Amino acid sequence: MSFTNLYYKRAVGTPKACYVCRKPTSTVLATINTVDFIYTCDGHLTDPGFATQVGESSDGASGARKLGLSPEEIAKVKEEWEEKQRKKKEKEKEKAEDKDKGKEKDETGKQTDKPEKTKTKSPAPSTPAPSTPTTPTHERYTLHRDIFTLRLTEHRKRRQAAQAKELAPRLPGAPRGGV
């Protein structure tokens, strides 16, 4: 099982030795599922020979910023799209209900045509979406390819050692009798 070269910077409560210089640090780089983690000094995070910071968030906002769109415009477009999706679901639900009502049968077993009631739903009062506070996200880093290869090798060796330890009791023992 390998992992991607995308690490998130996190702060921890207990300082441990830095991976590079062995000084105590409370900063750790960890993969998304914490498959791999590295304690590292903040100084090493700025070293391009160790790690490189990945750009802003991956939700497409950076692309929107390049186009010159403001967060308000993005929020407005999102709200309009959600409203359209909501209306679309309501129409589908109404069609399904109308089909069910039109096929209702009376007690004699004959199909009756009941007058369809037109539902006049007033659109929900559009309240301005509360501005979502920007939640702090962890800084993202990619390790230098040589450092990442070291981490993969280390992870593979640990996994192989665990497999060997698990397999050892099932192997036959060496012969003990004389020739």
Protein backbone atom coordinates (compact mmCIF):
# COMPACT_ATOMS: atom_id res chain seq x y z
CA MET A 1 0.00 0.00 0.00
CA SER A 2 1.65 3.19 -1.11
CA PHE A 3 0.50 6.71 -0.40
CA THR A 4 0.51 9.96 -2.29
CA ASN A 5 3.11 12.66 -1.92
CA LEU A 6 0.72 15.12 -0.29
CA TYR A 7 1.32 16.01 3.35
CA TYR A 8 -0.60 18.34 5.65
CA LYS A 9 1.14 20.52 8.23
CA ARG A 10 -0.28 19.97 11.70
CA ALA A 11 0.67 21.05 15.18
CA VAL A 12 0.96 18.44 17.91
CA GLY A 13 1.09 18.72 21.66
CA THR A 14 4.16 16.59 22.32
CA PRO A 15 7.37 17.76 20.63
CA LYS A 16 9.54 15.05 19.12
CA ALA A 17 12.83 15.00 17.19
CA CYS A 18 12.89 16.55 13.73
CA TYR A 19 13.38 14.04 10.90
CA VAL A 20 16.34 16.03 9.54
CA CYS A 21 18.15 17.77 12.41
CA ARG A 22 16.84 15.89 15.50
CA LYS A 23 15.85 19.11 17.31
CA PRO A 24 12.55 18.94 19.22
CA THR A 25 9.61 20.21 17.15
CA SER A 26 5.84 20.22 17.52
CA THR A 27 5.18 20.47 13.78
CA VAL A 28 4.35 17.33 11.87
CA LEU A 29 3.66 16.61 8.21
CA ALA A 30 1.07 13.85 7.85
CA THR A 31 -0.76 12.24 4.94
CA ILE A 32 -4.53 12.52 4.80
CA ASN A 33 -5.21 9.21 6.58
CA THR A 34 -2.06 9.50 8.72
CA VAL A 35 -0.50 6.52 6.96
CA ASP A 36 2.82 8.35 7.10
CA PHE A 37 3.94 11.30 9.21
CA ILE A 38 7.19 13.20 9.68
CA TYR A 39 8.16 15.52 12.51
CA THR A 40 9.93 18.50 10.98
CA CYS A 41 11.10 21.97 11.93
CA ASP A 42 9.40 24.99 10.41
CA GLY A 43 12.78 25.95 8.93
CA HIS A 44 12.94 22.74 6.92
CA LEU A 45 9.49 23.39 5.45
CA THR A 46 10.90 26.41 3.62
CA ASP A 47 13.81 24.38 2.22
CA PRO A 48 12.98 23.38 -1.40
CA GLY A 49 15.35 20.42 -1.05
CA PHE A 50 13.03 18.98 1.60
CA ALA A 51 9.46 20.06 0.88
CA THR A 52 7.51 22.45 -1.32
CA GLN A 53 4.27 24.11 -0.30
CA VAL A 54 1.37 23.30 -2.60
CA GLY A 55 -0.86 26.18 -3.77
CA GLU A 56 -4.14 27.25 -2.26
CA SER A 57 -7.14 25.02 -1.65
CA SER A 58 -8.19 22.45 -4.23
CA ASP A 59 -11.86 23.47 -4.38
CA GLY A 60 -11.40 25.52 -7.54
CA ALA A 61 -11.29 28.85 -5.76
CA SER A 62 -7.74 29.48 -6.95
CA GLY A 63 -8.90 29.11 -10.55
CA ALA A 64 -11.72 31.55 -9.88
CA ARG A 65 -9.28 34.04 -8.41
CA LYS A 66 -7.21 33.86 -11.56
CA LEU A 67 -10.31 34.82 -13.54
CA GLY A 68 -10.87 37.79 -11.25
CA LEU A 69 -14.09 36.57 -9.59
CA SER A 70 -14.83 37.75 -6.09
CA PRO A 71 -16.03 35.39 -3.34
CA GLU A 72 -19.43 37.13 -3.39
CA GLU A 73 -19.89 36.36 -7.08
CA ILE A 74 -18.89 32.75 -6.53
CA ALA A 75 -21.35 32.44 -3.63
CA LYS A 76 -24.11 33.99 -5.76
CA VAL A 77 -23.55 31.51 -8.60
CA LYS A 78 -23.48 28.59 -6.16
CA GLU A 79 -26.74 29.75 -4.58
CA GLU A 80 -28.44 30.06 -7.98
CA TRP A 81 -27.27 26.59 -8.97
CA GLU A 82 -28.53 25.07 -5.69
CA GLU A 83 -31.89 26.79 -6.18
CA LYS A 84 -32.19 25.35 -9.69
CA GLN A 85 -31.37 21.88 -8.40
CA ARG A 86 -33.96 22.22 -5.64
CA LYS A 87 -36.66 23.31 -8.12
CA LYS A 88 -35.73 20.45 -10.45
CA LYS A 89 -36.17 17.91 -7.63
CA GLU A 90 -39.52 19.45 -6.65
CA LYS A 91 -40.79 19.16 -10.24
CA GLU A 92 -39.75 15.52 -10.42
CA LYS A 93 -41.48 14.83 -7.11
CA GLU A 94 -44.68 16.59 -8.30
CA LYS A 95 -44.69 14.55 -11.53
CA ALA A 96 -44.38 11.32 -9.57
CA GLU A 97 -47.23 12.36 -7.23
CA ASP A 98 -49.45 13.38 -10.15
CA LYS A 99 -48.97 9.99 -11.80
CA ASP A 100 -49.90 8.22 -8.57
CA LYS A 101 -53.02 10.37 -8.05
CA GLY A 102 -54.21 9.96 -11.64
CA LYS A 103 -54.12 6.18 -11.34
CA GLU A 104 -56.06 5.89 -8.10
CA LYS A 105 -58.90 3.43 -8.27
CA ASP A 106 -62.23 3.63 -6.56
CA GLU A 107 -63.90 0.83 -4.59
CA THR A 108 -65.45 -0.85 -7.65
CA GLY A 109 -62.06 -1.34 -9.23
CA LYS A 110 -62.60 1.16 -12.04
CA GLN A 111 -60.07 3.83 -12.69
CA THR A 112 -61.34 7.30 -11.96
CA ASP A 113 -60.11 10.55 -13.30
CA LYS A 114 -59.88 12.83 -10.38
CA PRO A 115 -59.30 16.46 -11.05
CA GLU A 116 -55.70 17.19 -10.51
CA LYS A 117 -54.97 19.78 -7.93
CA THR A 118 -52.47 22.27 -9.04
CA LYS A 119 -50.02 22.94 -6.33
CA THR A 120 -49.07 26.53 -6.13
CA LYS A 121 -46.07 26.66 -3.95
CA SER A 122 -44.81 30.06 -3.24
CA PRO A 123 -41.10 30.12 -3.70
CA ALA A 124 -39.23 29.92 -0.46
CA PRO A 125 -38.33 33.33 0.81
CA SER A 126 -34.84 33.83 -0.40
CA THR A 127 -32.74 34.69 2.54
CA PRO A 128 -29.25 35.82 1.85
CA ALA A 129 -26.85 33.00 2.52
CA PRO A 130 -24.92 33.66 5.68
CA SER A 131 -21.35 34.33 4.84
CA THR A 132 -19.46 31.19 5.73
CA PRO A 133 -16.49 31.96 7.89
CA THR A 134 -13.29 30.87 6.27
CA THR A 135 -12.25 27.78 8.14
CA PRO A 136 -8.53 27.50 8.61
CA THR A 137 -7.15 24.68 6.53
CA HIS A 138 -3.88 22.93 6.99
CA GLU A 139 -1.02 23.97 4.76
CA ARG A 140 -0.24 21.33 2.14
CA TYR A 141 3.24 20.22 1.18
CA THR A 142 4.88 17.79 -1.21
CA LEU A 143 8.18 16.25 -0.23
CA HIS A 144 11.21 16.40 -2.49
CA ARG A 145 11.30 13.25 -4.63
CA ASP A 146 14.37 11.84 -2.87
CA ILE A 147 12.90 12.40 0.61
CA PHE A 148 9.60 10.87 -0.54
CA THR A 149 11.45 7.84 -1.92
CA LEU A 150 13.14 7.42 1.48
CA ARG A 151 9.74 7.54 3.18
CA LEU A 152 8.28 4.97 0.78
CA THR A 153 11.28 2.67 1.30
CA GLU A 154 11.05 3.00 5.07
CA HIS A 155 7.32 2.30 4.99
CA ARG A 156 7.84 -0.74 2.72
CA LYS A 157 10.55 -2.16 5.03
CA ARG A 158 8.29 -1.81 8.06
CA ARG A 159 5.46 -3.57 6.23
CA GLN A 160 7.77 -6.39 5.07
CA ALA A 161 9.15 -6.84 8.61
CA ALA A 162 5.60 -7.14 9.97
CA GLN A 163 4.72 -9.71 7.28
CA ALA A 164 7.88 -11.74 8.05
CA LYS A 165 7.09 -11.68 11.77
CA GLU A 166 3.57 -12.90 11.03
CA LEU A 167 4.81 -15.65 8.69
CA ALA A 168 7.72 -16.93 10.86
CA PRO A 169 5.67 -19.14 13.25
CA ARG A 170 4.12 -21.00 10.30
CA LEU A 171 7.45 -22.01 8.75
CA PRO A 172 8.89 -25.43 9.58
CA GLY A 173 11.79 -25.62 12.00
CA ALA A 174 15.32 -26.78 11.18
CA PRO A 175 16.03 -30.50 11.59
CA ARG A 176 17.41 -31.39 15.03
CA GLY A 177 18.44 -35.02 14.63
CA GLY A 178 21.93 -36.20 13.86
CA VAL A 179 23.02 -37.59 10.54
